[in-house]
N, C-alpha and C. Protein backbone atom coordinates (compact mmCIF):
# COMPACT_ATOMS: atom_id res chain seq x y z
N UNK A 1 11.84 0.58 21.16
CA UNK A 1 11.48 0.57 19.37
C UNK A 1 10.46 1.69 18.62
N UNK A 2 10.24 2.32 18.01
CA UNK A 2 9.40 2.64 17.73
C UNK A 2 8.40 2.22 16.21
N UNK A 3 7.62 1.66 16.33
CA UNK A 3 6.83 1.37 14.81
C UNK A 3 6.90 2.28 13.43
N UNK A 4 7.22 2.29 12.59
CA UNK A 4 7.10 3.07 11.24
C UNK A 4 5.78 2.78 10.39
N UNK A 5 5.43 3.81 10.12
CA UNK A 5 3.92 4.51 9.80
C UNK A 5 4.11 4.75 8.56
N UNK A 6 3.30 4.39 7.62
CA UNK A 6 3.24 5.17 6.09
C UNK A 6 1.85 5.01 5.21
N UNK A 7 1.69 5.76 4.44
CA UNK A 7 0.46 6.00 3.91
C UNK A 7 1.16 6.18 2.29
N UNK A 8 0.88 5.10 1.55
CA UNK A 8 1.09 5.38 0.34
C UNK A 8 -0.75 5.42 -0.85
N UNK A 9 -0.51 6.21 -1.96
CA UNK A 9 -1.82 6.53 -2.61
C UNK A 9 -1.94 6.45 -4.03
N UNK A 10 -2.18 5.23 -4.25
CA UNK A 10 -2.31 5.23 -5.80
C UNK A 10 -3.22 5.18 -6.25
N UNK A 11 -3.36 6.15 -7.67
CA UNK A 11 -4.75 6.92 -8.16
C UNK A 11 -4.28 5.57 -9.53
N UNK A 12 -5.67 4.91 -9.81
CA UNK A 12 -5.94 4.42 -11.03
C UNK A 12 -6.25 5.05 -12.00
N UNK A 13 -6.23 5.24 -13.13
CA UNK A 13 -7.21 5.97 -14.52
C UNK A 13 -8.18 5.86 -14.28
N UNK A 14 -9.35 6.47 -14.36
CA UNK A 14 -10.79 6.71 -14.81
C UNK A 14 -11.03 5.20 -15.77
N UNK A 15 -11.07 4.44 -16.23
CA UNK A 15 -10.80 3.17 -16.50
C UNK A 15 -10.82 1.96 -16.29
N UNK A 16 -9.68 1.86 -15.54
CA UNK A 16 -8.64 1.02 -14.38
C UNK A 16 -9.25 0.72 -13.01
N UNK A 17 -10.08 1.49 -12.76
CA UNK A 17 -10.18 1.22 -11.43
C UNK A 17 -10.37 -0.16 -10.94
N UNK A 18 -10.69 -0.72 -11.65
CA UNK A 18 -11.40 -2.34 -11.61
C UNK A 18 -10.60 -3.08 -11.54
N UNK A 19 -9.05 -2.96 -12.26
CA UNK A 19 -7.96 -3.65 -12.60
C UNK A 19 -7.07 -3.33 -11.36
N UNK A 20 -6.59 -2.08 -10.77
CA UNK A 20 -5.80 -1.52 -10.02
C UNK A 20 -6.95 -2.29 -8.69
N UNK A 21 -8.12 -2.81 -8.49
CA UNK A 21 -8.93 -3.05 -7.16
C UNK A 21 -8.45 -4.82 -6.80
N UNK A 22 -8.37 -5.13 -8.02
CA UNK A 22 -8.28 -6.72 -8.36
C UNK A 22 -7.06 -7.31 -7.99
N UNK A 23 -6.30 -6.21 -8.41
CA UNK A 23 -4.45 -6.15 -8.37
C UNK A 23 -3.80 -6.39 -6.97
N UNK A 24 -4.70 -5.29 -6.26
CA UNK A 24 -4.51 -5.26 -4.67
C UNK A 24 -4.83 -5.93 -3.65
N UNK A 25 -6.12 -6.38 -4.35
CA UNK A 25 -6.60 -7.23 -3.04
C UNK A 25 -6.44 -8.40 -2.32
N UNK A 26 -5.40 -9.36 -3.34
CA UNK A 26 -4.54 -10.34 -2.82
C UNK A 26 -3.76 -9.99 -1.67
N UNK A 27 -3.03 -8.96 -2.29
CA UNK A 27 -1.63 -8.48 -1.28
C UNK A 27 -2.16 -7.93 -0.12
N UNK A 28 -3.44 -7.90 0.79
CA UNK A 28 -3.86 -7.62 2.04
C UNK A 28 -3.18 -8.46 2.99
N UNK A 29 -3.69 -10.01 2.34
CA UNK A 29 -3.96 -11.25 3.48
C UNK A 29 -2.64 -11.40 3.65
N UNK A 30 -1.86 -11.47 2.14
CA UNK A 30 -0.30 -11.91 2.47
C UNK A 30 0.27 -11.33 2.79
N UNK A 31 0.32 -9.29 2.97
CA UNK A 31 0.65 -8.49 3.59
C UNK A 31 0.99 -8.84 5.15
N UNK A 32 0.19 -8.86 5.58
CA UNK A 32 -0.76 -9.40 6.93
C UNK A 32 0.16 -9.89 8.13
N UNK A 33 0.20 -11.59 6.63
CA UNK A 33 1.02 -12.78 7.38
C UNK A 33 2.24 -12.86 7.61
N UNK A 34 3.47 -11.21 6.73
CA UNK A 34 4.76 -10.76 7.05
C UNK A 34 4.75 -10.54 8.31
N UNK A 35 5.71 -11.21 8.95
CA UNK A 35 6.69 -10.71 9.61
C UNK A 35 7.11 -9.03 10.24
N UNK A 36 6.61 -9.00 11.11
CA UNK A 36 6.58 -7.27 11.62
C UNK A 36 5.71 -6.36 11.04
N UNK A 37 4.78 -7.14 10.44
CA UNK A 37 2.91 -5.88 9.71
C UNK A 37 2.50 -5.87 10.85
N UNK A 38 2.47 -4.77 11.74
CA UNK A 38 1.37 -4.43 13.01
C UNK A 38 -0.15 -4.34 12.28
N UNK A 39 -0.06 -3.71 11.24
CA UNK A 39 -1.35 -3.04 10.57
C UNK A 39 -1.25 -3.00 8.89
N UNK A 40 -1.89 -3.04 8.18
CA UNK A 40 -2.15 -3.25 6.72
C UNK A 40 -3.19 -3.25 6.10
N UNK A 41 -4.02 -1.75 5.66
CA UNK A 41 -5.34 -2.32 5.10
C UNK A 41 -5.28 -0.85 3.89
N UNK A 42 -6.09 -1.80 2.77
CA UNK A 42 -6.14 -1.13 1.71
C UNK A 42 -7.60 -0.54 1.23
N UNK A 43 -7.71 0.92 1.44
CA UNK A 43 -9.33 1.23 0.96
C UNK A 43 -9.36 2.17 -0.18
N UNK A 44 -10.48 2.54 -0.65
CA UNK A 44 -10.68 3.02 -1.77
C UNK A 44 -11.66 4.10 -1.46
N UNK A 45 -11.18 5.72 -2.11
CA UNK A 45 -11.85 6.57 -0.99
C UNK A 45 -13.01 6.84 -1.52
N UNK A 46 -14.27 7.15 -1.07
CA UNK A 46 -14.98 7.51 -1.23
C UNK A 46 -15.47 8.86 -1.76
N UNK A 47 -14.88 9.85 -1.79
CA UNK A 47 -14.61 10.94 -2.03
C UNK A 47 -14.09 11.29 -3.63
N UNK A 48 -13.22 10.20 -4.01
CA UNK A 48 -12.36 9.97 -5.48
C UNK A 48 -12.15 8.66 -5.59
N UNK A 49 -13.21 8.00 -6.09
CA UNK A 49 -13.29 6.65 -6.38
C UNK A 49 -11.83 6.21 -7.60
N UNK A 50 -11.42 5.51 -7.41
CA UNK A 50 -10.19 5.15 -8.18
C UNK A 50 -8.92 5.65 -7.12
N UNK A 51 -9.16 6.31 -6.14
CA UNK A 51 -7.80 6.69 -5.36
C UNK A 51 -7.89 5.30 -4.46
N UNK A 52 -7.01 5.21 -4.72
CA UNK A 52 -6.63 3.70 -3.04
C UNK A 52 -5.45 3.93 -2.21
N UNK A 53 -6.06 3.75 -0.61
CA UNK A 53 -5.16 4.90 -0.11
C UNK A 53 -4.56 3.28 0.99
N UNK A 54 -3.58 3.17 1.32
CA UNK A 54 -2.92 1.88 1.86
C UNK A 54 -2.04 2.42 3.37
N UNK A 55 -2.82 2.02 4.29
CA UNK A 55 -2.22 2.89 5.54
C UNK A 55 -1.47 1.26 6.26
N UNK A 56 -0.27 1.51 6.33
CA UNK A 56 0.29 0.63 7.18
C UNK A 56 1.48 0.87 8.52
N UNK A 57 1.66 0.21 9.28
CA UNK A 57 2.68 0.10 10.44
C UNK A 57 3.50 -1.06 10.59
N UNK A 58 4.79 -1.05 10.82
CA UNK A 58 5.51 -2.46 11.02
C UNK A 58 6.37 -1.96 12.07
N UNK A 59 6.74 -3.90 12.61
CA UNK A 59 7.21 -3.15 13.92
C UNK A 59 8.61 -2.12 13.40
N UNK A 60 9.38 -2.58 12.21
CA UNK A 60 10.75 -1.55 12.20
C UNK A 60 11.28 -1.24 10.52
N UNK A 61 11.78 -0.70 10.35
CA UNK A 61 12.01 -0.21 8.98
C UNK A 61 13.11 -1.44 8.00
N UNK A 62 13.06 -2.25 9.03
CA UNK A 62 14.01 -3.56 7.79
C UNK A 62 12.52 -4.53 7.98
N UNK A 63 12.05 -4.50 8.49
CA UNK A 63 10.02 -5.11 8.25
C UNK A 63 9.55 -4.59 7.04
N UNK A 64 9.91 -3.11 6.73
CA UNK A 64 9.08 -2.97 5.94
C UNK A 64 9.98 -3.12 4.52
N UNK A 65 11.15 -2.74 4.32
CA UNK A 65 12.49 -3.27 3.25
C UNK A 65 12.18 -4.80 2.52
N UNK A 66 11.71 -5.34 4.04
CA UNK A 66 11.61 -6.30 3.44
C UNK A 66 10.60 -7.09 3.02
N UNK A 67 8.86 -6.29 3.37
CA UNK A 67 8.03 -6.26 2.65
C UNK A 67 7.91 -5.71 1.31
N UNK A 68 8.73 -4.25 0.64
CA UNK A 68 8.99 -4.12 -0.26
C UNK A 68 9.33 -4.82 -1.65
N UNK A 69 9.92 -5.43 -0.82
CA UNK A 69 10.67 -6.83 -1.62
C UNK A 69 9.67 -7.95 -1.80
N UNK A 70 8.72 -8.39 -1.02
CA UNK A 70 8.15 -9.53 -1.34
C UNK A 70 8.01 -9.32 -2.11
N UNK A 71 7.86 -11.19 -2.66
CA UNK A 71 7.52 -11.29 -4.31
C UNK A 71 5.62 -10.88 -4.65
N UNK A 72 5.08 -10.87 -3.74
CA UNK A 72 3.52 -10.23 -3.75
C UNK A 72 3.49 -9.15 -3.84
N UNK A 73 4.27 -8.58 -3.66
CA UNK A 73 4.39 -6.97 -3.71
C UNK A 73 5.34 -6.64 -4.80
N UNK A 74 6.10 -7.18 -5.60
CA UNK A 74 6.71 -7.04 -6.99
C UNK A 74 5.26 -7.44 -7.77
N UNK A 75 4.87 -8.64 -7.73
CA UNK A 75 3.69 -8.84 -8.87
C UNK A 75 2.15 -7.95 -8.24
N UNK A 76 2.04 -6.97 -7.81
CA UNK A 76 1.05 -6.39 -7.51
C UNK A 76 1.31 -5.05 -8.30
N UNK A 77 2.16 -4.64 -8.05
CA UNK A 77 2.94 -3.22 -8.81
C UNK A 77 3.12 -3.65 -10.10
N UNK A 78 3.69 -4.48 -10.70
CA UNK A 78 4.27 -4.87 -12.38
C UNK A 78 2.67 -5.22 -12.63
N UNK A 79 1.51 -5.27 -11.63
CA UNK A 79 -0.11 -5.82 -11.98
C UNK A 79 -0.70 -4.63 -12.64
N UNK A 80 -0.20 -3.63 -11.43
CA UNK A 80 -1.11 -2.09 -11.85
C UNK A 80 -0.16 -1.31 -12.52
N UNK A 81 0.82 -1.36 -12.73
CA UNK A 81 1.70 -0.25 -13.38
C UNK A 81 0.95 0.36 -14.57
N UNK A 82 0.63 -0.11 -15.55
CA UNK A 82 -0.03 0.69 -16.14
C UNK A 82 -1.47 1.13 -16.53
N UNK A 83 -2.00 0.34 -15.14
CA UNK A 83 -3.32 1.57 -15.23
C UNK A 83 -3.63 2.25 -13.63
N UNK A 84 -2.14 2.89 -13.64
CA UNK A 84 -2.22 4.44 -12.76
C UNK A 84 -2.11 5.58 -13.10
N UNK A 85 -2.97 6.13 -13.31
CA UNK A 85 -2.55 7.95 -13.40
C UNK A 85 -1.58 8.54 -13.54
N UNK A 86 -0.67 8.13 -12.34
CA UNK A 86 0.68 8.59 -11.65
C UNK A 86 1.41 7.99 -11.04
N UNK A 87 2.36 8.61 -10.48
CA UNK A 87 3.20 7.24 -10.10
C UNK A 87 2.55 7.43 -8.14
N UNK A 88 2.80 6.30 -7.44
CA UNK A 88 2.44 6.32 -6.34
C UNK A 88 2.63 7.00 -5.78
N UNK A 89 2.01 8.04 -4.37
CA UNK A 89 2.60 8.93 -3.44
C UNK A 89 3.08 8.02 -2.34
N UNK A 90 4.34 7.85 -1.71
CA UNK A 90 4.35 7.19 -0.96
C UNK A 90 4.81 8.19 0.36
N UNK A 91 4.23 8.23 1.37
CA UNK A 91 4.23 9.30 2.82
C UNK A 91 4.81 8.01 4.08
N UNK A 92 6.08 8.95 4.20
CA UNK A 92 6.67 8.04 5.32
C UNK A 92 6.01 9.06 6.42
N UNK A 93 6.01 8.18 7.52
CA UNK A 93 5.13 9.30 8.87
C UNK A 93 5.92 9.64 9.89
N UNK A 94 5.73 10.48 10.37
CA UNK A 94 6.82 10.86 12.14
C UNK A 94 5.10 11.27 12.72
N UNK A 95 4.73 10.59 13.83
CA UNK A 95 3.84 10.92 14.94
C UNK A 95 4.27 12.60 15.49
N UNK A 96 3.24 13.11 15.70
CA UNK A 96 2.98 13.98 16.30
C UNK A 96 2.65 14.24 17.89
N UNK A 97 3.48 14.14 19.17
CA UNK A 97 3.51 14.20 20.35
C UNK A 97 2.45 15.38 20.93
N UNK A 98 1.80 14.99 21.85
CA UNK A 98 0.51 16.07 22.14
C UNK A 98 1.57 16.15 23.86
């Protein structure tokens, strides 16, 4: 079975980057402790401050679905919702074989 990879992009309103950063920070350790999490990182773009990029790898789609329903994720999404400049962009990824 192959892993499931995705990238999510959250664009904070200019005045709300600190709020988004604060709300996303505790999600990292909670998510890394979840069953099926292979990799989970949140980075802020140096080229576009206030743009937060989440890179995730899961053992299965079921693990990713469970993560999306996790209480810490629901709390984070609720906390950042009004601070976002746009709807989050989610990119499920498919590897290109060489």
